[in-house]
Amino acid sequence: MSDFRDDFDAGRPLPSWDENPPARPGWKSDGDATVFENPWLTLTSHPATAPTGAAATYVVMRLKNLSVGVLPIHSDGTVTLVGQARFALANYSWEMPEGGAPFDEDPLDGVKRELAEEAGLAAKSWREVLRMEMSNSITDERAIAWLAWDLSEVDTAPDPTEVIVLARVPFMTLMHEIDRGAVRDTFTVATALRAYHMARESLIPGWLAHAMLTRV
């Protein structure tokens, strides 16, 4: 299988206001050096030329996996979330099941694995809903999110470093907690907002949208 990075932007549309862009300068890398590397990421330093023509040094965090995540929606309009401690911000985070898929793996296989390992769930119905660039000023991290339903239970298999707590809450409760600022994980917030839009606009099965929007 080819490296998924080759396909991530294939067919990517331009915004309607930018369909016939004029010629405009971009960044230019004038070389690169590896500053740090581990099994998950590489930091590269680049002598670079900015779009203005100014000289600059740019450091990029390059991930070795595609970020994948899924919002699992039960037939009663509830969703399963995972809670775990996060190192970088030294806080506790409630998120949808998410993780990394090697670039040479089918992303759907990767997210199915994460759903089983973290939430103990399998799904018969999947819908890709979002492709994201997570923080494109400092990293080349790419992400894909799905909605999943028609759920059944399977065995969990968390990573050896993870202590995961599960919560099953009404979808609109998740939306309320996002509004309050209690759920802040970017991937989860963006996917939940996309799911809300799809439910409101009848872009998912009607029975599922009704359950999501009316269960409180």
Protein backbone atom coordinates (compact mmCIF):
# COMPACT_ATOMS: atom_id res chain seq x y z
CA MET A 1 0.00 0.00 0.00
CA SER A 2 1.28 3.49 -0.80
CA ASP A 3 2.13 6.07 1.85
CA PHE A 4 -1.17 7.75 2.76
CA ARG A 5 0.50 11.16 2.78
CA ASP A 6 0.55 10.90 -1.01
CA ASP A 7 -3.26 10.66 -1.04
CA PHE A 8 -4.32 12.92 1.83
CA ASP A 9 -4.78 16.05 -0.30
CA ALA A 10 -5.90 14.26 -3.48
CA GLY A 11 -9.00 15.98 -4.82
CA ARG A 12 -8.87 18.66 -2.13
CA PRO A 13 -11.21 21.48 -3.18
CA LEU A 14 -10.37 25.14 -2.89
CA PRO A 15 -12.69 27.50 -1.01
CA SER A 16 -15.22 29.18 -3.28
CA TRP A 17 -13.51 32.56 -2.76
CA ASP A 18 -10.13 31.15 -3.78
CA GLU A 19 -10.85 29.09 -6.90
CA ASN A 20 -8.77 31.27 -9.23
CA PRO A 21 -5.92 32.47 -7.02
CA PRO A 22 -3.32 34.85 -8.37
CA ALA A 23 0.32 33.84 -8.33
CA ARG A 24 1.61 34.31 -4.81
CA PRO A 25 4.89 33.41 -3.10
CA GLY A 26 5.20 30.58 -0.59
CA TRP A 27 7.80 29.44 1.88
CA LYS A 28 11.01 27.93 0.50
CA SER A 29 13.14 25.42 2.40
CA ASP A 30 16.83 25.88 1.73
CA GLY A 31 17.85 22.59 3.36
CA ASP A 32 17.02 20.56 6.45
CA ALA A 33 18.63 18.87 9.40
CA THR A 34 17.17 16.39 11.88
CA VAL A 35 17.22 17.88 15.37
CA PHE A 36 15.49 15.01 17.19
CA GLU A 37 13.85 11.71 16.31
CA ASN A 38 11.95 8.96 18.12
CA PRO A 39 9.43 6.29 17.01
CA TRP A 40 6.61 8.84 16.88
CA LEU A 41 8.06 12.04 15.42
CA THR A 42 10.98 13.85 13.87
CA LEU A 43 11.96 17.48 14.45
CA THR A 44 13.54 19.08 11.40
CA SER A 45 15.25 22.46 11.24
CA HIS A 46 15.25 24.37 7.97
CA PRO A 47 17.14 27.44 6.81
CA ALA A 48 14.27 29.00 4.90
CA THR A 49 13.09 31.93 2.86
CA ALA A 50 9.78 33.47 3.91
CA PRO A 51 7.12 34.59 1.39
CA THR A 52 8.36 38.14 2.02
CA GLY A 53 11.90 37.16 0.96
CA ALA A 54 13.24 37.38 4.51
CA ALA A 55 15.62 34.72 5.77
CA ALA A 56 14.29 32.54 8.59
CA THR A 57 14.94 29.34 10.47
CA TYR A 58 11.90 27.06 10.67
CA VAL A 59 11.53 24.01 12.91
CA VAL A 60 8.81 21.49 12.03
CA MET A 61 7.46 18.57 14.05
CA ARG A 62 6.84 15.76 11.57
CA LEU A 63 4.58 12.98 12.82
CA LYS A 64 5.20 9.37 11.78
CA ASN A 65 1.52 8.40 11.97
CA LEU A 66 -1.78 9.72 10.69
CA SER A 67 -4.05 10.91 13.51
CA VAL A 68 -7.37 9.04 13.45
CA GLY A 69 -10.41 9.49 15.66
CA VAL A 70 -14.01 8.37 15.86
CA LEU A 71 -17.12 9.59 17.63
CA PRO A 72 -19.08 6.39 18.41
CA ILE A 73 -22.84 7.06 18.54
CA HIS A 74 -25.18 4.56 20.17
CA SER A 75 -28.73 3.99 18.92
CA ASP A 76 -30.16 5.95 21.88
CA GLY A 77 -28.21 9.11 20.95
CA THR A 78 -25.46 8.68 23.51
CA VAL A 79 -21.75 8.73 22.67
CA THR A 80 -18.85 6.94 24.30
CA LEU A 81 -15.95 9.13 25.41
CA VAL A 82 -12.60 8.21 26.95
CA GLY A 83 -10.93 10.04 29.80
CA GLN A 84 -7.20 9.95 30.40
CA ALA A 85 -4.32 11.96 31.81
CA ARG A 86 -2.31 13.90 29.25
CA PHE A 87 1.40 14.58 29.80
CA ALA A 88 2.10 17.75 27.80
CA LEU A 89 -0.49 19.96 29.55
CA ALA A 90 -0.43 17.95 32.80
CA ASN A 91 -4.23 17.74 32.79
CA TYR A 92 -7.09 15.28 32.45
CA SER A 93 -8.86 15.17 29.11
CA TRP A 94 -12.18 13.75 27.91
CA GLU A 95 -11.95 12.81 24.24
CA MET A 96 -13.40 10.58 21.58
CA PRO A 97 -11.35 7.42 20.90
CA GLU A 98 -8.33 8.52 18.88
CA GLY A 99 -4.77 7.56 18.12
CA GLY A 100 -2.26 7.01 15.35
CA ALA A 101 -2.31 4.89 12.20
CA PRO A 102 0.93 4.17 10.30
CA PHE A 103 0.99 5.90 6.93
CA ASP A 104 1.18 2.56 5.13
CA GLU A 105 -2.00 1.30 6.85
CA ASP A 106 -5.58 1.82 5.67
CA PRO A 107 -6.74 4.67 7.97
CA LEU A 108 -10.11 2.98 8.53
CA ASP A 109 -8.35 -0.13 9.83
CA GLY A 110 -6.37 2.08 12.17
CA VAL A 111 -9.38 3.86 13.64
CA LYS A 112 -11.28 0.58 14.03
CA ARG A 113 -8.36 -0.67 16.10
CA GLU A 114 -8.41 2.46 18.27
CA LEU A 115 -12.16 2.15 18.85
CA ALA A 116 -11.74 -1.43 20.03
CA GLU A 117 -8.61 -0.87 22.10
CA GLU A 118 -9.78 2.26 23.92
CA ALA A 119 -13.58 1.96 24.06
CA GLY A 120 -14.19 -1.77 23.67
CA LEU A 121 -16.50 -1.16 20.71
CA ALA A 122 -16.88 -2.29 17.10
CA ALA A 123 -19.15 -0.60 14.55
CA LYS A 124 -20.94 -1.79 11.45
CA SER A 125 -21.57 1.71 10.02
CA TRP A 126 -18.82 4.26 9.39
CA ARG A 127 -18.85 7.75 7.84
CA GLU A 128 -15.70 9.79 7.26
CA VAL A 129 -16.63 13.35 8.24
CA LEU A 130 -13.53 15.49 8.59
CA ARG A 131 -9.94 15.94 7.44
CA MET A 132 -7.83 18.31 9.47
CA GLU A 133 -4.40 19.91 9.64
CA MET A 134 -3.94 19.97 13.39
CA SER A 135 -1.53 22.90 13.84
CA ASN A 136 -0.09 23.70 10.45
CA SER A 137 2.28 26.47 11.57
CA ILE A 138 4.51 24.07 13.52
CA THR A 139 3.65 20.51 12.44
CA ASP A 140 2.68 18.49 9.39
CA GLU A 141 0.25 16.40 11.46
CA ARG A 142 -2.74 15.22 9.44
CA ALA A 143 -5.97 13.87 10.88
CA ILE A 144 -9.13 12.10 9.75
CA ALA A 145 -12.30 11.75 11.84
CA TRP A 146 -15.26 9.39 11.47
CA LEU A 147 -18.69 8.91 12.96
CA ALA A 148 -19.57 5.29 13.76
CA TRP A 149 -22.84 3.63 14.76
CA ASP A 150 -24.47 0.18 14.89
CA LEU A 151 -22.15 -0.55 17.80
CA SER A 152 -21.33 -3.76 19.64
CA GLU A 153 -19.00 -4.55 22.52
CA VAL A 154 -15.57 -6.15 22.12
CA ASP A 155 -12.58 -6.58 24.41
CA THR A 156 -10.49 -3.50 25.20
CA ALA A 157 -6.69 -3.46 24.85
CA PRO A 158 -5.33 -0.09 26.03
CA ASP A 159 -1.74 0.96 25.48
CA PRO A 160 0.57 -0.01 28.40
CA THR A 161 0.93 3.70 29.28
CA GLU A 162 -2.82 4.44 29.35
CA VAL A 163 -5.30 4.32 32.22
CA ILE A 164 -8.60 4.91 30.42
CA VAL A 165 -11.99 5.69 31.94
CA LEU A 166 -15.13 5.40 29.79
CA ALA A 167 -18.20 7.61 29.92
CA ARG A 168 -21.38 7.20 27.90
CA VAL A 169 -23.25 10.50 27.71
CA PRO A 170 -26.03 12.02 25.57
CA PHE A 171 -24.65 13.71 22.47
CA MET A 172 -26.24 17.04 23.44
CA THR A 173 -24.58 16.79 26.86
CA LEU A 174 -21.25 16.57 25.06
CA MET A 175 -22.19 19.67 23.06
CA HIS A 176 -23.10 21.49 26.29
CA GLU A 177 -19.78 20.57 27.89
CA ILE A 178 -17.91 21.76 24.80
CA ASP A 179 -19.81 25.04 25.07
CA ARG A 180 -18.81 25.32 28.75
CA GLY A 181 -15.16 24.69 27.91
CA ALA A 182 -15.04 21.42 29.84
CA VAL A 183 -14.08 19.41 26.72
CA ARG A 184 -11.18 21.04 24.86
CA ASP A 185 -9.45 18.37 22.78
CA THR A 186 -9.37 19.93 19.31
CA PHE A 187 -10.03 16.71 17.42
CA THR A 188 -13.06 15.87 19.59
CA VAL A 189 -14.51 19.39 19.51
CA ALA A 190 -14.24 19.67 15.72
CA THR A 191 -15.74 16.22 15.16
CA ALA A 192 -18.64 16.82 17.56
CA LEU A 193 -19.46 20.14 15.88
CA ARG A 194 -19.36 18.44 12.50
CA ALA A 195 -21.64 15.68 13.81
CA TYR A 196 -24.10 18.28 15.11
CA HIS A 197 -24.17 20.00 11.72
CA MET A 198 -24.71 16.69 9.93
CA ALA A 199 -27.56 15.76 12.26
CA ARG A 200 -29.23 19.15 11.78
CA GLU A 201 -28.83 19.02 8.00
CA SER A 202 -30.04 15.39 7.62
CA LEU A 203 -26.65 14.20 6.38
CA ILE A 204 -26.83 11.05 8.51
CA PRO A 205 -29.71 8.59 8.94
CA GLY A 206 -32.81 10.33 10.26
CA TRP A 207 -33.34 7.99 13.21
CA LEU A 208 -29.77 8.57 14.36
CA ALA A 209 -30.01 12.35 14.00
CA HIS A 210 -33.30 12.37 15.97
CA ALA A 211 -31.74 10.35 18.79
CA MET A 212 -28.69 12.62 18.94
CA LEU A 213 -30.61 15.89 18.98
CA THR A 214 -33.43 14.93 21.36
CA ARG A 215 -31.65 12.85 24.01
CA VAL A 216 -30.72 15.11 26.94
